[in-house]
Each structure stands twice: as structure tokens, then as C-alpha cells.
Amino acid sequence: MFENVKTLPSTFETCTLMHMQFILFILSVFLGCYF
């Protein structure tokens, strides 16, 4: 039970990190096409 609670934040951080990289990638492509 403690292991699940312990591994949950790391999984959440990984998903958030990938989501941020995806947003930065789209922003870079959008800015590259815009300018």
C-alpha cells in the first residue's frame, strides 16, 4: 500500500514532464512557422 502511494507522485511527475515537453515542442513549431 505504501509502495503505491510512493510510486504515484513519480508517475505523475513523469506525465507532467512529458506534457510540458509536448507543449514546448508545439510552441517552438508554432513560433518557427509564425516568425
PDB file of N, CA and C in Angstrom:
ATOM      1  N   MET A   1       0.835  -1.201   0.000  1.00  0.00           N
ATOM      2  CA  MET A   1       0.000   0.000   0.000  1.00  0.00           C
ATOM      3  C   MET A   1       0.871   1.253   0.000  1.00  0.00           C
ATOM      4  N   PHE A   2       1.928   1.221   0.805  1.00  0.00           N
ATOM      5  CA  PHE A   2       2.821   2.379   0.842  1.00  0.00           C
ATOM      6  C   PHE A   2       3.580   2.534  -0.474  1.00  0.00           C
ATOM      7  N   GLU A   3       3.861   1.397  -1.117  1.00  0.00           N
ATOM      8  CA  GLU A   3       4.599   1.453  -2.382  1.00  0.00           C
ATOM      9  C   GLU A   3       3.783   2.165  -3.452  1.00  0.00           C
ATOM     10  N   ASN A   4       2.483   1.901  -3.487  1.00  0.00           N
ATOM     11  CA  ASN A   4       1.627   2.550  -4.483  1.00  0.00           C
ATOM     12  C   ASN A   4       1.604   4.060  -4.270  1.00  0.00           C
ATOM     13  N   VAL A   5       1.501   4.475  -3.012  1.00  0.00           N
ATOM     14  CA  VAL A   5       1.483   5.908  -2.698  1.00  0.00           C
ATOM     15  C   VAL A   5       2.839   6.523  -3.032  1.00  0.00           C
ATOM     16  N   LYS A   6       3.888   5.730  -2.878  1.00  0.00           N
ATOM     17  CA  LYS A   6       5.246   6.231  -3.132  1.00  0.00           C
ATOM     18  C   LYS A   6       5.519   6.359  -4.629  1.00  0.00           C
ATOM     19  N   THR A   7       4.991   5.439  -5.426  1.00  0.00           N
ATOM     20  CA  THR A   7       5.274   5.463  -6.865  1.00  0.00           C
ATOM     21  C   THR A   7       4.322   6.391  -7.619  1.00  0.00           C
ATOM     22  N   LEU A   8       3.209   6.745  -7.000  1.00  0.00           N
ATOM     23  CA  LEU A   8       2.222   7.589  -7.680  1.00  0.00           C
ATOM     24  C   LEU A   8       2.784   8.964  -8.036  1.00  0.00           C
ATOM     25  N   PRO A   9       3.433   9.685  -7.093  1.00  0.00           N
ATOM     26  CA  PRO A   9       3.965  11.016  -7.424  1.00  0.00           C
ATOM     27  C   PRO A   9       4.982  10.974  -8.562  1.00  0.00           C
ATOM     28  N   SER A  10       5.855   9.960  -8.583  1.00  0.00           N
ATOM     29  CA  SER A  10       6.870   9.881  -9.636  1.00  0.00           C
ATOM     30  C   SER A  10       6.204   9.700 -10.999  1.00  0.00           C
ATOM     31  N   THR A  11       5.150   8.895 -11.049  1.00  0.00           N
ATOM     32  CA  THR A  11       4.420   8.700 -12.309  1.00  0.00           C
ATOM     33  C   THR A  11       3.755   9.997 -12.728  1.00  0.00           C
ATOM     34  N   PHE A  12       3.199  10.713 -11.766  1.00  0.00           N
ATOM     35  CA  PHE A  12       2.539  11.987 -12.053  1.00  0.00           C
ATOM     36  C   PHE A  12       3.555  12.995 -12.573  1.00  0.00           C
ATOM     37  N   GLU A  13       4.740  13.036 -11.959  1.00  0.00           N
ATOM     38  CA  GLU A  13       5.787  13.961 -12.398  1.00  0.00           C
ATOM     39  C   GLU A  13       6.243  13.622 -13.810  1.00  0.00           C
ATOM     40  N   THR A  14       6.359  12.327 -14.109  1.00  0.00           N
ATOM     41  CA  THR A  14       6.788  11.908 -15.446  1.00  0.00           C
ATOM     42  C   THR A  14       5.772  12.336 -16.488  1.00  0.00           C
ATOM     43  N   CYS A  15       4.485  12.159 -16.187  1.00  0.00           N
ATOM     44  CA  CYS A  15       3.434  12.548 -17.136  1.00  0.00           C
ATOM     45  C   CYS A  15       3.434  14.060 -17.324  1.00  0.00           C
ATOM     46  N   THR A  16       3.622  14.796 -16.229  1.00  0.00           N
ATOM     47  CA  THR A  16       3.641  16.259 -16.314  1.00  0.00           C
ATOM     48  C   THR A  16       4.847  16.719 -17.121  1.00  0.00           C
ATOM     49  N   LEU A  17       5.996  16.059 -16.918  1.00  0.00           N
ATOM     50  CA  LEU A  17       7.207  16.428 -17.646  1.00  0.00           C
ATOM     51  C   LEU A  17       7.015  16.204 -19.138  1.00  0.00           C
ATOM     52  N   MET A  18       6.454  15.056 -19.510  1.00  0.00           N
ATOM     53  CA  MET A  18       6.212  14.761 -20.926  1.00  0.00           C
ATOM     54  C   MET A  18       5.209  15.748 -21.505  1.00  0.00           C
ATOM     55  N   HIS A  19       4.210  16.117 -20.712  1.00  0.00           N
ATOM     56  CA  HIS A  19       3.193  17.064 -21.178  1.00  0.00           C
ATOM     57  C   HIS A  19       3.828  18.432 -21.426  1.00  0.00           C
ATOM     58  N   MET A  20       4.730  18.847 -20.534  1.00  0.00           N
ATOM     59  CA  MET A  20       5.409  20.137 -20.694  1.00  0.00           C
ATOM     60  C   MET A  20       6.300  20.119 -21.933  1.00  0.00           C
ATOM     61  N   GLN A  21       7.017  19.017 -22.153  1.00  0.00           N
ATOM     62  CA  GLN A  21       7.872  18.913 -23.338  1.00  0.00           C
ATOM     63  C   GLN A  21       7.032  18.970 -24.604  1.00  0.00           C
ATOM     64  N   PHE A  22       5.842  18.357 -24.569  1.00  0.00           N
ATOM     65  CA  PHE A  22       4.945  18.359 -25.727  1.00  0.00           C
ATOM     66  C   PHE A  22       4.466  19.779 -26.012  1.00  0.00           C
ATOM     67  N   ILE A  23       4.130  20.537 -24.950  1.00  0.00           N
ATOM     68  CA  ILE A  23       3.672  21.923 -25.114  1.00  0.00           C
ATOM     69  C   ILE A  23       4.816  22.785 -25.655  1.00  0.00           C
ATOM     70  N   LEU A  24       6.019  22.598 -25.119  1.00  0.00           N
ATOM     71  CA  LEU A  24       7.168  23.373 -25.592  1.00  0.00           C
ATOM     72  C   LEU A  24       7.461  23.050 -27.051  1.00  0.00           C
ATOM     73  N   PHE A  25       7.308  21.791 -27.437  1.00  0.00           N
ATOM     74  CA  PHE A  25       7.547  21.389 -28.824  1.00  0.00           C
ATOM     75  C   PHE A  25       6.551  22.077 -29.750  1.00  0.00           C
ATOM     76  N   ILE A  26       5.275  22.085 -29.369  1.00  0.00           N
ATOM     77  CA  ILE A  26       4.247  22.733 -30.198  1.00  0.00           C
ATOM     78  C   ILE A  26       4.492  24.240 -30.253  1.00  0.00           C
ATOM     79  N   LEU A  27       4.888  24.828 -29.136  1.00  0.00           N
ATOM     80  CA  LEU A  27       5.162  26.270 -29.107  1.00  0.00           C
ATOM     81  C   LEU A  27       6.334  26.599 -30.029  1.00  0.00           C
ATOM     82  N   SER A  28       7.391  25.788 -29.986  1.00  0.00           N
ATOM     83  CA  SER A  28       8.560  26.038 -30.831  1.00  0.00           C
ATOM     84  C   SER A  28       8.191  25.912 -32.306  1.00  0.00           C
ATOM     85  N   VAL A  29       7.379  24.919 -32.650  1.00  0.00           N
ATOM     86  CA  VAL A  29       6.954  24.740 -34.045  1.00  0.00           C
ATOM     87  C   VAL A  29       6.060  25.903 -34.469  1.00  0.00           C
ATOM     88  N   PHE A  30       5.149  26.310 -33.594  1.00  0.00           N
ATOM     89  CA  PHE A  30       4.237  27.411 -33.905  1.00  0.00           C
ATOM     90  C   PHE A  30       5.015  28.712 -34.093  1.00  0.00           C
ATOM     91  N   LEU A  31       5.961  28.979 -33.187  1.00  0.00           N
ATOM     92  CA  LEU A  31       6.761  30.201 -33.293  1.00  0.00           C
ATOM     93  C   LEU A  31       7.647  30.142 -34.532  1.00  0.00           C
ATOM     94  N   GLY A  32       8.174  28.958 -34.841  1.00  0.00           N
ATOM     95  CA  GLY A  32       9.022  28.801 -36.021  1.00  0.00           C
ATOM     96  C   GLY A  32       8.241  29.075 -37.295  1.00  0.00           C
ATOM     97  N   CYS A  33       6.978  28.652 -37.338  1.00  0.00           N
ATOM     98  CA  CYS A  33       6.151  28.888 -38.527  1.00  0.00           C
ATOM     99  C   CYS A  33       5.636  30.327 -38.537  1.00  0.00           C
ATOM    100  N   TYR A  34       5.380  30.859 -37.352  1.00  0.00           N
ATOM    101  CA  TYR A  34       4.805  32.207 -37.268  1.00  0.00           C
ATOM    102  C   TYR A  34       5.821  33.266 -37.684  1.00  0.00           C
ATOM    103  N   PHE A  35       7.057  33.119 -37.159  1.00  0.00           N
ATOM    104  CA  PHE A  35       8.074  34.122 -37.497  1.00  0.00           C
ATOM    105  C   PHE A  35       8.709  33.742 -38.820  1.00  0.00           C
TER     106      PHE A  35
END
